[in-house]
Amino acid sequence: MSTEKNLRIGMIGCGVHSIANIYSTLHYLGQPIQAVSARHLDRAQAAADRFGAKHAYDDYHEMLAKEDLDAVFIVTDQYTQAAIAMDCLKAGVNVFVEKPLGMSVEEAKQVADLEKETGLKVMVGFMKRFSPSYVKLKAIMNKKEDFGPALSFMGMFAITSGRPGWDNEVYTKVGGIHYVDLMRWLFGEIVEVHGMTNTVDKEVDSSWLLRFDSGIIGNMFLGGLPAWKRHWEEMCVTGTNGFAKVDNMLSLRYHIDKPVDTIGPRWRTLDEEDVVVTPVSTSGSGGWRDLYLNGYVGEIEHFLHCLKEDLTPECNAADHVRTMELCEKMLAALKSC
């Protein structure tokens, strides 16, 4: 492993999401990129020139053979990422890969097995675990002396896909998986799930009732409909003594019941308090603000830290298997309704 200041990073893929969020976060964090690979050399070269990489390739196998890399960031598509990740591990290179890492539990397990066999690090890009809003939500939930035990939740993740073939399975495993993983991170492992759907072709409209091993119950809605051309997500958790709600990773509202001594009915007093937490907007925040609020800075900082300190990433390949298992349980529940 190279020194802390000069980790040798390679990139595979340079699409819109990759450039806007992954390359840009590495640049913001001051982490140089050594090499870029994409299917089209001109696009790889353009990304390399823009972000100061020394070399560009149109074949990632060639990049792995010629470059001495500490890690590779893989941002391609859901059908190729697992195979590319395994090629990188076989080449002795640590991996950061966008979700999903394969489109089935079997594919996910293959990568997890290779992760264990090689002893290398794999991190899957579940950035919502690192969004400041959800980090604070979890901290509020876990302060049980104030919040009380978390009892139930209501969640939704909606954004139109409009893509041919994006049925319940593809939408859940490629888009909705963000919230599937977030549920695991917040509430634990699933023990019971029931689902219903009104999905027609690519117009996804599905809801689930779930119970987790922590005891919490809740409902989740995933929507890929023209109604949701604007991305919308929310998570509201209720505990014995309070509730907390995140909207679009931009605001967090929470309430803790604090009864006071009153003479007569409590409705005569003004003692109910809600706290609303939002980010500060300044003329200097620009696009960097979104990278923080959406969790990209947090997830990539975590991965780089794990490389430097020889730690296991939180969202590793083995953990991703459990998220994919939950996806498949939720999809099976829709088929049985």
Protein backbone atom coordinates (compact mmCIF):
# COMPACT_ATOMS: atom_id res chain seq x y z
CA MET A 1 0.00 0.00 0.00
CA SER A 2 1.33 3.42 -0.91
CA THR A 3 1.65 6.21 1.63
CA GLU A 4 -1.30 8.10 3.02
CA LYS A 5 -0.82 11.07 0.71
CA ASN A 6 -0.57 9.20 -2.55
CA LEU A 7 -2.98 6.28 -2.76
CA ARG A 8 -2.91 5.04 -6.34
CA ILE A 9 -6.48 5.09 -7.61
CA GLY A 10 -7.88 3.78 -10.88
CA MET A 11 -11.34 4.47 -12.27
CA ILE A 12 -13.51 2.17 -14.37
CA GLY A 13 -16.41 4.01 -15.99
CA CYS A 14 -16.94 7.71 -16.61
CA GLY A 15 -20.68 8.22 -17.05
CA VAL A 16 -22.76 11.15 -15.81
CA HIS A 17 -23.19 9.86 -12.22
CA SER A 18 -19.57 8.82 -11.99
CA ILE A 19 -18.21 12.20 -13.11
CA ALA A 20 -20.69 14.30 -11.13
CA ASN A 21 -20.42 12.42 -7.84
CA ILE A 22 -17.50 9.98 -7.59
CA TYR A 23 -14.71 11.72 -9.54
CA SER A 24 -15.81 15.07 -8.11
CA THR A 25 -15.73 13.79 -4.53
CA LEU A 26 -12.24 12.35 -4.98
CA HIS A 27 -11.16 15.72 -6.40
CA TYR A 28 -12.76 17.58 -3.49
CA LEU A 29 -10.98 15.32 -1.00
CA GLY A 30 -7.65 15.96 -2.71
CA GLN A 31 -7.22 12.32 -3.73
CA PRO A 32 -5.41 12.08 -7.09
CA ILE A 33 -6.58 9.67 -9.79
CA GLN A 34 -3.82 7.74 -11.52
CA ALA A 35 -5.67 6.10 -14.42
CA VAL A 36 -9.09 5.98 -16.08
CA SER A 37 -10.67 3.21 -18.12
CA ALA A 38 -13.89 3.34 -20.15
CA ARG A 39 -15.31 1.53 -23.17
CA HIS A 40 -14.49 4.51 -25.38
CA LEU A 41 -10.94 5.83 -25.22
CA ASP A 42 -11.93 9.39 -26.08
CA ARG A 43 -14.24 9.54 -23.08
CA ALA A 44 -11.63 7.98 -20.80
CA GLN A 45 -9.07 10.51 -22.03
CA ALA A 46 -11.48 13.41 -21.48
CA ALA A 47 -12.09 12.29 -17.89
CA ALA A 48 -8.37 11.77 -17.34
CA ASP A 49 -7.59 15.26 -18.65
CA ARG A 50 -10.32 16.85 -16.56
CA PHE A 51 -9.27 15.22 -13.28
CA GLY A 52 -5.51 15.07 -13.79
CA ALA A 53 -5.06 11.33 -14.32
CA LYS A 54 -1.86 10.27 -16.06
CA HIS A 55 -3.22 7.49 -18.24
CA ALA A 56 -6.42 6.54 -20.10
CA TYR A 57 -7.49 3.10 -21.35
CA ASP A 58 -10.38 1.56 -23.27
CA ASP A 59 -9.81 -1.84 -21.62
CA TYR A 60 -9.72 -2.15 -17.84
CA HIS A 61 -7.77 -5.42 -18.08
CA GLU A 62 -4.94 -3.45 -19.69
CA MET A 63 -5.15 -0.83 -16.96
CA LEU A 64 -4.94 -3.50 -14.25
CA ALA A 65 -1.94 -5.09 -15.97
CA LYS A 66 0.00 -1.86 -16.51
CA GLU A 67 -0.83 0.24 -13.45
CA ASP A 68 0.30 -0.39 -9.88
CA LEU A 69 -2.95 0.49 -8.11
CA ASP A 70 -4.08 0.42 -4.49
CA ALA A 71 -7.77 0.53 -5.37
CA VAL A 72 -10.20 0.81 -8.25
CA PHE A 73 -13.54 2.63 -8.29
CA ILE A 74 -16.07 0.79 -10.48
CA VAL A 75 -19.07 2.76 -11.73
CA THR A 76 -20.49 1.01 -14.78
CA ASP A 77 -23.90 -0.72 -14.75
CA GLN A 78 -25.75 -3.32 -12.73
CA TYR A 79 -25.00 -6.16 -15.15
CA THR A 80 -21.22 -5.74 -15.38
CA GLN A 81 -20.05 -4.51 -11.97
CA ALA A 82 -19.81 -7.90 -10.24
CA ALA A 83 -17.62 -9.43 -12.97
CA ILE A 84 -15.38 -6.35 -13.09
CA ALA A 85 -15.05 -6.36 -9.30
CA MET A 86 -13.95 -10.00 -9.34
CA ASP A 87 -11.38 -9.27 -12.06
CA CYS A 88 -9.96 -6.47 -9.92
CA LEU A 89 -9.78 -8.68 -6.83
CA LYS A 90 -8.03 -11.41 -8.82
CA ALA A 91 -5.54 -8.75 -9.93
CA GLY A 92 -4.84 -7.94 -6.27
CA VAL A 93 -6.61 -4.57 -6.18
CA ASN A 94 -9.04 -3.27 -3.55
CA VAL A 95 -12.47 -2.27 -4.85
CA PHE A 96 -15.04 0.45 -4.39
CA VAL A 97 -18.08 -0.42 -6.50
CA GLU A 98 -21.44 1.21 -7.01
CA LYS A 99 -24.55 -0.70 -5.98
CA PRO A 100 -25.76 -3.21 -6.86
CA LEU A 101 -22.87 -5.61 -6.82
CA GLY A 102 -24.62 -8.12 -9.06
CA MET A 103 -28.30 -8.66 -9.76
CA SER A 104 -28.78 -11.76 -7.62
CA VAL A 105 -27.82 -13.19 -4.25
CA GLU A 106 -25.68 -15.76 -6.07
CA GLU A 107 -23.61 -13.07 -7.83
CA ALA A 108 -23.26 -11.11 -4.61
CA LYS A 109 -22.03 -14.23 -2.79
CA GLN A 110 -19.42 -14.91 -5.48
CA VAL A 111 -17.88 -11.49 -4.88
CA ALA A 112 -18.12 -11.89 -1.10
CA ASP A 113 -16.39 -15.28 -1.30
CA LEU A 114 -13.56 -13.76 -3.35
CA GLU A 115 -13.33 -10.83 -0.95
CA LYS A 116 -12.77 -13.32 1.89
CA GLU A 117 -10.39 -15.49 -0.14
CA THR A 118 -8.14 -12.61 -1.22
CA GLY A 119 -8.29 -10.63 2.01
CA LEU A 120 -8.79 -7.48 -0.05
CA LYS A 121 -11.28 -4.73 0.69
CA VAL A 122 -14.57 -4.28 -1.12
CA MET A 123 -16.90 -1.39 -0.41
CA VAL A 124 -20.33 -1.04 -2.02
CA GLY A 125 -21.61 2.49 -2.58
CA PHE A 126 -24.52 2.75 -0.17
CA MET A 127 -23.99 6.43 0.42
CA LYS A 128 -27.22 7.02 2.35
CA ARG A 129 -25.58 5.42 5.40
CA PHE A 130 -23.21 8.40 5.32
CA SER A 131 -25.73 11.18 4.65
CA PRO A 132 -25.63 13.59 7.63
CA SER A 133 -29.44 13.50 7.88
CA TYR A 134 -29.63 9.72 8.29
CA VAL A 135 -26.58 9.63 10.56
CA LYS A 136 -28.34 12.11 12.86
CA LEU A 137 -31.64 10.19 12.59
CA LYS A 138 -29.90 7.03 13.77
CA ALA A 139 -28.23 8.89 16.64
CA ILE A 140 -31.60 10.25 17.81
CA MET A 141 -33.18 6.78 17.59
CA ASN A 142 -30.36 5.24 19.59
CA LYS A 143 -30.66 7.75 22.43
CA LYS A 144 -33.30 5.59 24.06
CA GLU A 145 -33.39 7.52 27.34
CA ASP A 146 -35.05 10.35 25.37
CA PHE A 147 -36.57 8.71 22.27
CA GLY A 148 -37.62 5.48 23.91
CA PRO A 149 -37.53 2.19 21.99
CA ALA A 150 -38.05 2.66 18.24
CA LEU A 151 -41.40 1.04 17.44
CA SER A 152 -42.38 1.77 13.84
CA PHE A 153 -41.41 3.58 10.66
CA MET A 154 -42.85 4.89 7.41
CA GLY A 155 -40.53 5.21 4.43
CA MET A 156 -40.73 6.05 0.75
CA PHE A 157 -38.31 6.29 -2.14
CA ALA A 158 -39.73 7.54 -5.43
CA ILE A 159 -38.23 8.65 -8.72
CA THR A 160 -39.51 7.89 -12.17
CA SER A 161 -37.30 5.57 -14.18
CA GLY A 162 -39.02 5.59 -17.55
CA ARG A 163 -36.56 2.97 -18.76
CA PRO A 164 -37.70 -0.10 -20.70
CA GLY A 165 -37.32 -3.22 -18.58
CA TRP A 166 -37.27 -1.39 -15.27
CA ASP A 167 -39.92 -3.57 -13.66
CA ASN A 168 -40.31 -4.32 -9.95
CA GLU A 169 -37.13 -6.40 -9.85
CA VAL A 170 -34.81 -3.98 -11.65
CA TYR A 171 -36.22 -0.91 -9.91
CA THR A 172 -35.92 -2.52 -6.47
CA LYS A 173 -32.39 -3.87 -7.00
CA VAL A 174 -30.95 -0.82 -8.79
CA GLY A 175 -32.82 2.19 -7.37
CA GLY A 176 -34.89 1.10 -4.38
CA ILE A 177 -31.96 -0.87 -3.00
CA HIS A 178 -30.77 2.42 -1.49
CA TYR A 179 -33.71 2.35 0.90
CA VAL A 180 -33.62 -1.42 1.32
CA ASP A 181 -30.06 -1.08 2.61
CA LEU A 182 -30.96 1.98 4.68
CA MET A 183 -33.68 -0.04 6.45
CA ARG A 184 -31.15 -2.73 7.36
CA TRP A 185 -28.69 -0.13 8.63
CA LEU A 186 -31.32 1.61 10.75
CA PHE A 187 -33.46 -1.28 11.96
CA GLY A 188 -31.54 -4.59 11.69
CA GLU A 189 -32.33 -7.77 9.79
CA ILE A 190 -35.74 -8.67 8.38
CA VAL A 191 -37.84 -11.40 9.99
CA GLU A 192 -41.19 -10.93 8.23
CA VAL A 193 -42.35 -9.19 5.05
CA HIS A 194 -45.65 -8.81 3.20
CA GLY A 195 -46.07 -6.89 -0.04
CA MET A 196 -48.61 -5.57 -2.52
CA THR A 197 -48.09 -4.00 -5.94
CA ASN A 198 -49.90 -2.04 -8.62
CA THR A 199 -46.89 -2.09 -10.95
CA VAL A 200 -47.62 -2.24 -14.67
CA ASP A 201 -44.52 -2.80 -16.82
CA LYS A 202 -42.07 0.02 -15.97
CA GLU A 203 -44.56 2.02 -13.88
CA VAL A 204 -43.47 0.75 -10.48
CA ASP A 205 -45.82 1.17 -7.52
CA SER A 206 -45.21 -1.23 -4.62
CA SER A 207 -45.61 -1.26 -0.85
CA TRP A 208 -44.44 -3.57 1.92
CA LEU A 209 -45.15 -4.19 5.59
CA LEU A 210 -42.02 -5.38 7.38
CA ARG A 211 -40.88 -6.57 10.80
CA PHE A 212 -37.22 -6.52 11.85
CA ASP A 213 -35.30 -8.47 14.47
CA SER A 214 -35.06 -5.29 16.55
CA GLY A 215 -38.85 -5.49 16.95
CA ILE A 216 -39.57 -2.42 14.85
CA ILE A 217 -42.37 -2.66 12.28
CA GLY A 218 -43.05 -0.40 9.34
CA ASN A 219 -44.12 0.17 5.79
CA MET A 220 -42.03 1.01 2.74
CA PHE A 221 -43.19 2.44 -0.60
CA LEU A 222 -41.10 2.32 -3.76
CA GLY A 223 -42.38 4.28 -6.75
CA GLY A 224 -41.10 4.64 -10.28
CA LEU A 225 -43.93 6.61 -11.86
CA PRO A 226 -44.28 9.75 -14.01
CA ALA A 227 -45.78 11.40 -10.91
CA TRP A 228 -42.32 11.32 -9.32
CA LYS A 229 -40.15 12.93 -11.96
CA ARG A 230 -38.67 14.85 -9.06
CA HIS A 231 -36.81 12.53 -6.72
CA TRP A 232 -38.51 12.24 -3.34
CA GLU A 233 -37.57 10.24 -0.29
CA GLU A 234 -38.59 10.35 3.34
CA MET A 235 -38.20 8.30 6.48
CA CYS A 236 -40.22 8.81 9.67
CA VAL A 237 -39.44 6.76 12.79
CA THR A 238 -41.67 6.68 15.87
CA GLY A 239 -40.45 5.75 19.34
CA THR A 240 -42.29 5.57 22.65
CA ASN A 241 -41.44 9.16 23.53
CA GLY A 242 -40.65 10.79 20.20
CA PHE A 243 -40.58 10.78 16.44
CA ALA A 244 -38.03 11.86 13.84
CA LYS A 245 -38.49 12.46 10.11
CA VAL A 246 -36.01 13.03 7.28
CA ASP A 247 -37.14 14.65 4.04
CA ASN A 248 -34.92 14.31 0.96
CA MET A 249 -31.74 14.36 3.07
CA LEU A 250 -32.30 18.13 3.34
CA SER A 251 -34.13 18.43 6.64
CA LEU A 252 -34.65 16.50 9.84
CA ARG A 253 -37.56 17.23 12.16
CA TYR A 254 -37.75 15.51 15.52
CA HIS A 255 -39.90 15.72 18.62
CA ILE A 256 -39.30 14.38 22.12
CA ASP A 257 -42.22 14.39 24.55
CA LYS A 258 -41.33 16.43 27.63
CA PRO A 259 -44.37 16.71 29.88
CA VAL A 260 -44.44 19.64 32.27
CA ASP A 261 -46.41 20.22 35.44
CA THR A 262 -49.56 22.12 34.59
CA ILE A 263 -52.68 23.17 36.41
CA GLY A 264 -55.59 21.83 34.44
CA PRO A 265 -55.54 20.30 30.95
CA ARG A 266 -52.20 20.28 29.16
CA TRP A 267 -53.78 21.84 26.08
CA ARG A 268 -53.86 25.11 27.99
CA THR A 269 -50.07 25.38 27.74
CA LEU A 270 -47.57 25.84 24.93
CA ASP A 271 -45.02 23.17 25.80
CA GLU A 272 -44.82 20.98 22.68
CA GLU A 273 -41.47 21.43 20.94
CA ASP A 274 -40.20 20.26 17.55
CA VAL A 275 -36.60 20.67 16.46
CA VAL A 276 -35.95 21.25 12.76
CA VAL A 277 -32.39 20.76 11.51
CA THR A 278 -31.37 21.94 8.03
CA PRO A 279 -28.07 22.63 6.28
CA VAL A 280 -26.67 26.12 5.86
CA SER A 281 -26.64 27.53 2.34
CA THR A 282 -23.86 29.93 1.42
CA SER A 283 -22.55 31.45 -1.79
CA GLY A 284 -19.47 29.28 -1.42
CA SER A 285 -21.10 25.89 -0.94
CA GLY A 286 -21.96 25.25 -4.59
CA GLY A 287 -22.16 21.66 -5.76
CA TRP A 288 -19.92 20.47 -2.92
CA ARG A 289 -22.92 20.83 -0.60
CA ASP A 290 -24.83 18.12 -2.46
CA LEU A 291 -21.87 15.75 -2.29
CA TYR A 292 -21.91 16.09 1.50
CA LEU A 293 -25.67 15.93 2.02
CA ASN A 294 -26.12 12.93 -0.28
CA GLY A 295 -23.39 11.02 1.53
CA TYR A 296 -20.79 10.78 -1.25
CA VAL A 297 -18.09 12.57 0.72
CA GLY A 298 -18.76 10.42 3.77
CA GLU A 299 -18.69 7.09 1.95
CA ILE A 300 -15.50 7.83 -0.01
CA GLU A 301 -13.75 9.27 3.05
CA HIS A 302 -14.65 6.03 4.84
CA PHE A 303 -13.24 3.86 2.04
CA LEU A 304 -9.99 5.82 1.80
CA HIS A 305 -9.64 5.69 5.59
CA CYS A 306 -10.12 1.91 5.53
CA LEU A 307 -7.39 1.60 2.90
CA LYS A 308 -4.96 3.71 4.89
CA GLU A 309 -5.67 2.10 8.27
CA ASP A 310 -6.26 -1.48 7.04
CA LEU A 311 -9.86 -1.58 8.27
CA THR A 312 -12.89 -3.45 6.92
CA PRO A 313 -15.33 -1.13 5.13
CA GLU A 314 -18.78 -0.91 6.68
CA CYS A 315 -20.60 -1.66 3.41
CA ASN A 316 -18.46 -4.61 2.36
CA ALA A 317 -19.31 -7.38 -0.09
CA ALA A 318 -20.47 -9.78 2.63
CA ASP A 319 -22.80 -7.14 4.05
CA HIS A 320 -24.14 -6.44 0.55
CA VAL A 321 -25.25 -10.08 0.32
CA ARG A 322 -27.72 -9.47 3.16
CA THR A 323 -29.09 -6.37 1.44
CA MET A 324 -29.59 -8.35 -1.77
CA GLU A 325 -31.27 -11.12 0.22
CA LEU A 326 -33.74 -8.58 1.60
CA CYS A 327 -34.41 -7.30 -1.94
CA GLU A 328 -35.28 -10.81 -3.05
CA LYS A 329 -37.50 -11.45 0.00
CA MET A 330 -39.39 -8.25 -0.74
CA LEU A 331 -39.82 -9.19 -4.41
CA ALA A 332 -41.00 -12.68 -3.46
CA ALA A 333 -43.60 -11.10 -1.17
CA LEU A 334 -45.02 -9.18 -4.14
CA LYS A 335 -45.39 -12.36 -6.16
CA SER A 336 -47.31 -14.08 -3.38
CA CYS A 337 -49.82 -11.29 -2.82
